[in-house]
Amino acid sequence: MVGQAAGVLQSALISSEAVIDHFQVIIAQLRVACFCTGSANLAQLRQAPLVAQT
């Protein structure tokens, strides 16, 4: 969740609806990441092993 300020501020310059849309995208991405790692929640996702591509 680091590095969100710029995106949120950019959305806020447009409208409050744009901020809501921004966070809905983030939530959807987190749900996909949880599904792909078998994590039931963000605490489990935080503990999921990282895989690096070479």
PDB file of N, CA and C in Angstrom:
ATOM      1  N   MET A   1       0.808  -1.183   0.000  1.00  0.00           N
ATOM      2  CA  MET A   1       0.000   0.000   0.000  1.00  0.00           C
ATOM      3  C   MET A   1       0.860   1.260   0.000  1.00  0.00           C
ATOM      4  N   VAL A   2       2.116   1.120  -0.170  1.00  0.00           N
ATOM      5  CA  VAL A   2       2.959   2.308  -0.235  1.00  0.00           C
ATOM      6  C   VAL A   2       2.826   2.956  -1.601  1.00  0.00           C
ATOM      7  N   GLY A   3       3.088   4.227  -1.664  1.00  0.00           N
ATOM      8  CA  GLY A   3       3.065   4.931  -2.935  1.00  0.00           C
ATOM      9  C   GLY A   3       1.680   5.247  -3.447  1.00  0.00           C
ATOM     10  N   GLN A   4       0.697   5.326  -2.592  1.00  0.00           N
ATOM     11  CA  GLN A   4      -0.669   5.594  -3.020  1.00  0.00           C
ATOM     12  C   GLN A   4      -0.998   7.080  -3.069  1.00  0.00           C
ATOM     13  N   ALA A   5      -0.237   7.899  -2.386  1.00  0.00           N
ATOM     14  CA  ALA A   5      -0.593   9.317  -2.251  1.00  0.00           C
ATOM     15  C   ALA A   5      -0.726  10.020  -3.595  1.00  0.00           C
ATOM     16  N   ALA A   6       0.213   9.818  -4.487  1.00  0.00           N
ATOM     17  CA  ALA A   6       0.174  10.521  -5.776  1.00  0.00           C
ATOM     18  C   ALA A   6      -1.073  10.148  -6.566  1.00  0.00           C
ATOM     19  N   GLY A   7      -1.398   8.876  -6.605  1.00  0.00           N
ATOM     20  CA  GLY A   7      -2.581   8.429  -7.331  1.00  0.00           C
ATOM     21  C   GLY A   7      -3.869   8.952  -6.725  1.00  0.00           C
ATOM     22  N   VAL A   8      -3.930   8.949  -5.404  1.00  0.00           N
ATOM     23  CA  VAL A   8      -5.125   9.443  -4.714  1.00  0.00           C
ATOM     24  C   VAL A   8      -5.262  10.944  -4.922  1.00  0.00           C
ATOM     25  N   LEU A   9      -4.166  11.669  -4.791  1.00  0.00           N
ATOM     26  CA  LEU A   9      -4.225  13.122  -4.985  1.00  0.00           C
ATOM     27  C   LEU A   9      -4.603  13.475  -6.415  1.00  0.00           C
ATOM     28  N   GLN A  10      -4.074  12.734  -7.368  1.00  0.00           N
ATOM     29  CA  GLN A  10      -4.419  12.975  -8.769  1.00  0.00           C
ATOM     30  C   GLN A  10      -5.914  12.733  -8.991  1.00  0.00           C
ATOM     31  N   SER A  11      -6.441  11.682  -8.397  1.00  0.00           N
ATOM     32  CA  SER A  11      -7.873  11.403  -8.501  1.00  0.00           C
ATOM     33  C   SER A  11      -8.691  12.470  -7.790  1.00  0.00           C
ATOM     34  N   ALA A  12      -8.197  12.944  -6.656  1.00  0.00           N
ATOM     35  CA  ALA A  12      -8.920  13.956  -5.878  1.00  0.00           C
ATOM     36  C   ALA A  12      -9.045  15.265  -6.644  1.00  0.00           C
ATOM     37  N   LEU A  13      -8.088  15.550  -7.503  1.00  0.00           N
ATOM     38  CA  LEU A  13      -8.174  16.764  -8.317  1.00  0.00           C
ATOM     39  C   LEU A  13      -9.309  16.672  -9.327  1.00  0.00           C
ATOM     40  N   ILE A  14      -9.702  15.457  -9.653  1.00  0.00           N
ATOM     41  CA  ILE A  14     -10.789  15.250 -10.613  1.00  0.00           C
ATOM     42  C   ILE A  14     -12.134  15.316  -9.895  1.00  0.00           C
ATOM     43  N   SER A  15     -12.331  14.409  -8.922  1.00  0.00           N
ATOM     44  CA  SER A  15     -13.592  14.400  -8.173  1.00  0.00           C
ATOM     45  C   SER A  15     -13.514  13.376  -7.050  1.00  0.00           C
ATOM     46  N   SER A  16     -14.463  13.458  -6.147  1.00  0.00           N
ATOM     47  CA  SER A  16     -14.523  12.456  -5.081  1.00  0.00           C
ATOM     48  C   SER A  16     -14.879  11.086  -5.658  1.00  0.00           C
ATOM     49  N   GLU A  17     -15.659  11.073  -6.721  1.00  0.00           N
ATOM     50  CA  GLU A  17     -16.003   9.811  -7.390  1.00  0.00           C
ATOM     51  C   GLU A  17     -14.746   9.158  -7.979  1.00  0.00           C
ATOM     52  N   ALA A  18     -13.819   9.954  -8.485  1.00  0.00           N
ATOM     53  CA  ALA A  18     -12.570   9.420  -9.026  1.00  0.00           C
ATOM     54  C   ALA A  18     -11.732   8.779  -7.923  1.00  0.00           C
ATOM     55  N   VAL A  19     -11.775   9.349  -6.721  1.00  0.00           N
ATOM     56  CA  VAL A  19     -11.057   8.759  -5.587  1.00  0.00           C
ATOM     57  C   VAL A  19     -11.677   7.408  -5.238  1.00  0.00           C
ATOM     58  N   ILE A  20     -12.993   7.352  -5.219  1.00  0.00           N
ATOM     59  CA  ILE A  20     -13.686   6.089  -4.945  1.00  0.00           C
ATOM     60  C   ILE A  20     -13.316   5.052  -6.002  1.00  0.00           C
ATOM     61  N   ASP A  21     -13.318   5.451  -7.267  1.00  0.00           N
ATOM     62  CA  ASP A  21     -12.939   4.541  -8.358  1.00  0.00           C
ATOM     63  C   ASP A  21     -11.510   4.046  -8.183  1.00  0.00           C
ATOM     64  N   HIS A  22     -10.617   4.947  -7.788  1.00  0.00           N
ATOM     65  CA  HIS A  22      -9.211   4.601  -7.575  1.00  0.00           C
ATOM     66  C   HIS A  22      -9.100   3.484  -6.533  1.00  0.00           C
ATOM     67  N   PHE A  23      -9.788   3.659  -5.413  1.00  0.00           N
ATOM     68  CA  PHE A  23      -9.705   2.657  -4.355  1.00  0.00           C
ATOM     69  C   PHE A  23     -10.430   1.368  -4.721  1.00  0.00           C
ATOM     70  N   GLN A  24     -11.459   1.450  -5.539  1.00  0.00           N
ATOM     71  CA  GLN A  24     -12.126   0.232  -5.993  1.00  0.00           C
ATOM     72  C   GLN A  24     -11.187  -0.611  -6.854  1.00  0.00           C
ATOM     73  N   VAL A  25     -10.367   0.036  -7.657  1.00  0.00           N
ATOM     74  CA  VAL A  25      -9.368  -0.685  -8.462  1.00  0.00           C
ATOM     75  C   VAL A  25      -8.346  -1.342  -7.544  1.00  0.00           C
ATOM     76  N   ILE A  26      -7.875  -0.606  -6.534  1.00  0.00           N
ATOM     77  CA  ILE A  26      -6.894  -1.159  -5.590  1.00  0.00           C
ATOM     78  C   ILE A  26      -7.480  -2.383  -4.874  1.00  0.00           C
ATOM     79  N   ILE A  27      -8.728  -2.261  -4.429  1.00  0.00           N
ATOM     80  CA  ILE A  27      -9.381  -3.375  -3.736  1.00  0.00           C
ATOM     81  C   ILE A  27      -9.491  -4.584  -4.658  1.00  0.00           C
ATOM     82  N   ALA A  28      -9.855  -4.363  -5.904  1.00  0.00           N
ATOM     83  CA  ALA A  28      -9.954  -5.466  -6.866  1.00  0.00           C
ATOM     84  C   ALA A  28      -8.594  -6.129  -7.074  1.00  0.00           C
ATOM     85  N   GLN A  29      -7.539  -5.333  -7.165  1.00  0.00           N
ATOM     86  CA  GLN A  29      -6.194  -5.882  -7.346  1.00  0.00           C
ATOM     87  C   GLN A  29      -5.765  -6.696  -6.131  1.00  0.00           C
ATOM     88  N   LEU A  30      -6.102  -6.215  -4.937  1.00  0.00           N
ATOM     89  CA  LEU A  30      -5.770  -6.959  -3.724  1.00  0.00           C
ATOM     90  C   LEU A  30      -6.546  -8.272  -3.649  1.00  0.00           C
ATOM     91  N   ARG A  31      -7.792  -8.255  -4.100  1.00  0.00           N
ATOM     92  CA  ARG A  31      -8.583  -9.496  -4.114  1.00  0.00           C
ATOM     93  C   ARG A  31      -7.962 -10.526  -5.053  1.00  0.00           C
ATOM     94  N   VAL A  32      -7.499 -10.075  -6.209  1.00  0.00           N
ATOM     95  CA  VAL A  32      -6.842 -10.984  -7.158  1.00  0.00           C
ATOM     96  C   VAL A  32      -5.565 -11.539  -6.543  1.00  0.00           C
ATOM     97  N   ALA A  33      -4.777 -10.673  -5.910  1.00  0.00           N
ATOM     98  CA  ALA A  33      -3.535 -11.122  -5.283  1.00  0.00           C
ATOM     99  C   ALA A  33      -3.821 -12.136  -4.180  1.00  0.00           C
ATOM    100  N   CYS A  34      -4.860 -11.893  -3.382  1.00  0.00           N
ATOM    101  CA  CYS A  34      -5.242 -12.854  -2.334  1.00  0.00           C
ATOM    102  C   CYS A  34      -5.660 -14.181  -2.948  1.00  0.00           C
ATOM    103  N   PHE A  35      -6.458 -14.130  -4.001  1.00  0.00           N
ATOM    104  CA  PHE A  35      -6.906 -15.357  -4.664  1.00  0.00           C
ATOM    105  C   PHE A  35      -5.714 -16.142  -5.212  1.00  0.00           C
ATOM    106  N   CYS A  36      -4.806 -15.451  -5.876  1.00  0.00           N
ATOM    107  CA  CYS A  36      -3.671 -16.123  -6.520  1.00  0.00           C
ATOM    108  C   CYS A  36      -2.705 -16.738  -5.512  1.00  0.00           C
ATOM    109  N   THR A  37      -2.652 -16.183  -4.315  1.00  0.00           N
ATOM    110  CA  THR A  37      -1.733 -16.701  -3.300  1.00  0.00           C
ATOM    111  C   THR A  37      -2.432 -17.593  -2.283  1.00  0.00           C
ATOM    112  N   GLY A  38      -3.751 -17.724  -2.412  1.00  0.00           N
ATOM    113  CA  GLY A  38      -4.491 -18.532  -1.452  1.00  0.00           C
ATOM    114  C   GLY A  38      -4.642 -17.857  -0.102  1.00  0.00           C
ATOM    115  N   SER A  39      -4.516 -16.552  -0.082  1.00  0.00           N
ATOM    116  CA  SER A  39      -4.624 -15.788   1.164  1.00  0.00           C
ATOM    117  C   SER A  39      -6.082 -15.433   1.428  1.00  0.00           C
ATOM    118  N   ALA A  40      -6.522 -15.636   2.668  1.00  0.00           N
ATOM    119  CA  ALA A  40      -7.906 -15.331   3.034  1.00  0.00           C
ATOM    120  C   ALA A  40      -8.092 -13.865   3.404  1.00  0.00           C
ATOM    121  N   ASN A  41      -6.987 -13.190   3.737  1.00  0.00           N
ATOM    122  CA  ASN A  41      -7.079 -11.793   4.157  1.00  0.00           C
ATOM    123  C   ASN A  41      -5.732 -11.106   3.935  1.00  0.00           C
ATOM    124  N   LEU A  42      -5.679  -9.823   4.258  1.00  0.00           N
ATOM    125  CA  LEU A  42      -4.449  -9.063   4.011  1.00  0.00           C
ATOM    126  C   LEU A  42      -3.297  -9.508   4.903  1.00  0.00           C
ATOM    127  N   ALA A  43      -3.604  -9.958   6.108  1.00  0.00           N
ATOM    128  CA  ALA A  43      -2.545 -10.448   6.995  1.00  0.00           C
ATOM    129  C   ALA A  43      -1.865 -11.672   6.383  1.00  0.00           C
ATOM    130  N   GLN A  44      -2.662 -12.570   5.816  1.00  0.00           N
ATOM    131  CA  GLN A  44      -2.084 -13.744   5.153  1.00  0.00           C
ATOM    132  C   GLN A  44      -1.353 -13.347   3.880  1.00  0.00           C
ATOM    133  N   LEU A  45      -1.892 -12.384   3.153  1.00  0.00           N
ATOM    134  CA  LEU A  45      -1.229 -11.923   1.933  1.00  0.00           C
ATOM    135  C   LEU A  45       0.140 -11.343   2.259  1.00  0.00           C
ATOM    136  N   ARG A  46       0.234 -10.630   3.364  1.00  0.00           N
ATOM    137  CA  ARG A  46       1.503 -10.039   3.785  1.00  0.00           C
ATOM    138  C   ARG A  46       2.559 -11.116   4.019  1.00  0.00           C
ATOM    139  N   GLN A  47       2.117 -12.301   4.447  1.00  0.00           N
ATOM    140  CA  GLN A  47       3.040 -13.402   4.740  1.00  0.00           C
ATOM    141  C   GLN A  47       3.302 -14.302   3.533  1.00  0.00           C
ATOM    142  N   ALA A  48       2.600 -14.079   2.435  1.00  0.00           N
ATOM    143  CA  ALA A  48       2.763 -14.925   1.248  1.00  0.00           C
ATOM    144  C   ALA A  48       4.172 -14.757   0.679  1.00  0.00           C
ATOM    145  N   PRO A  49       4.788 -15.851   0.255  1.00  0.00           N
ATOM    146  CA  PRO A  49       6.136 -15.759  -0.313  1.00  0.00           C
ATOM    147  C   PRO A  49       6.124 -15.011  -1.649  1.00  0.00           C
ATOM    148  N   LEU A  50       7.171 -14.251  -1.875  1.00  0.00           N
ATOM    149  CA  LEU A  50       7.326 -13.515  -3.128  1.00  0.00           C
ATOM    150  C   LEU A  50       8.083 -14.370  -4.127  1.00  0.00           C
ATOM    151  N   VAL A  51       7.722 -14.247  -5.384  1.00  0.00           N
ATOM    152  CA  VAL A  51       8.400 -14.974  -6.455  1.00  0.00           C
ATOM    153  C   VAL A  51       8.993 -13.940  -7.398  1.00  0.00           C
ATOM    154  N   ALA A  52      10.285 -14.049  -7.650  1.00  0.00           N
ATOM    155  CA  ALA A  52      10.960 -13.110  -8.539  1.00  0.00           C
ATOM    156  C   ALA A  52      11.158 -13.747  -9.903  1.00  0.00           C
ATOM    157  N   GLN A  53      10.881 -12.986 -10.954  1.00  0.00           N
ATOM    158  CA  GLN A  53      11.150 -13.457 -12.310  1.00  0.00           C
ATOM    159  C   GLN A  53      12.564 -13.049 -12.686  1.00  0.00           C
ATOM    160  N   THR A  54      13.255 -13.941 -13.371  1.00  0.00           N
ATOM    161  CA  THR A  54      14.611 -13.603 -13.818  1.00  0.00           C
ATOM    162  C   THR A  54      14.691 -13.635 -15.313  1.00  0.00           C
TER     163      THR A  54
END
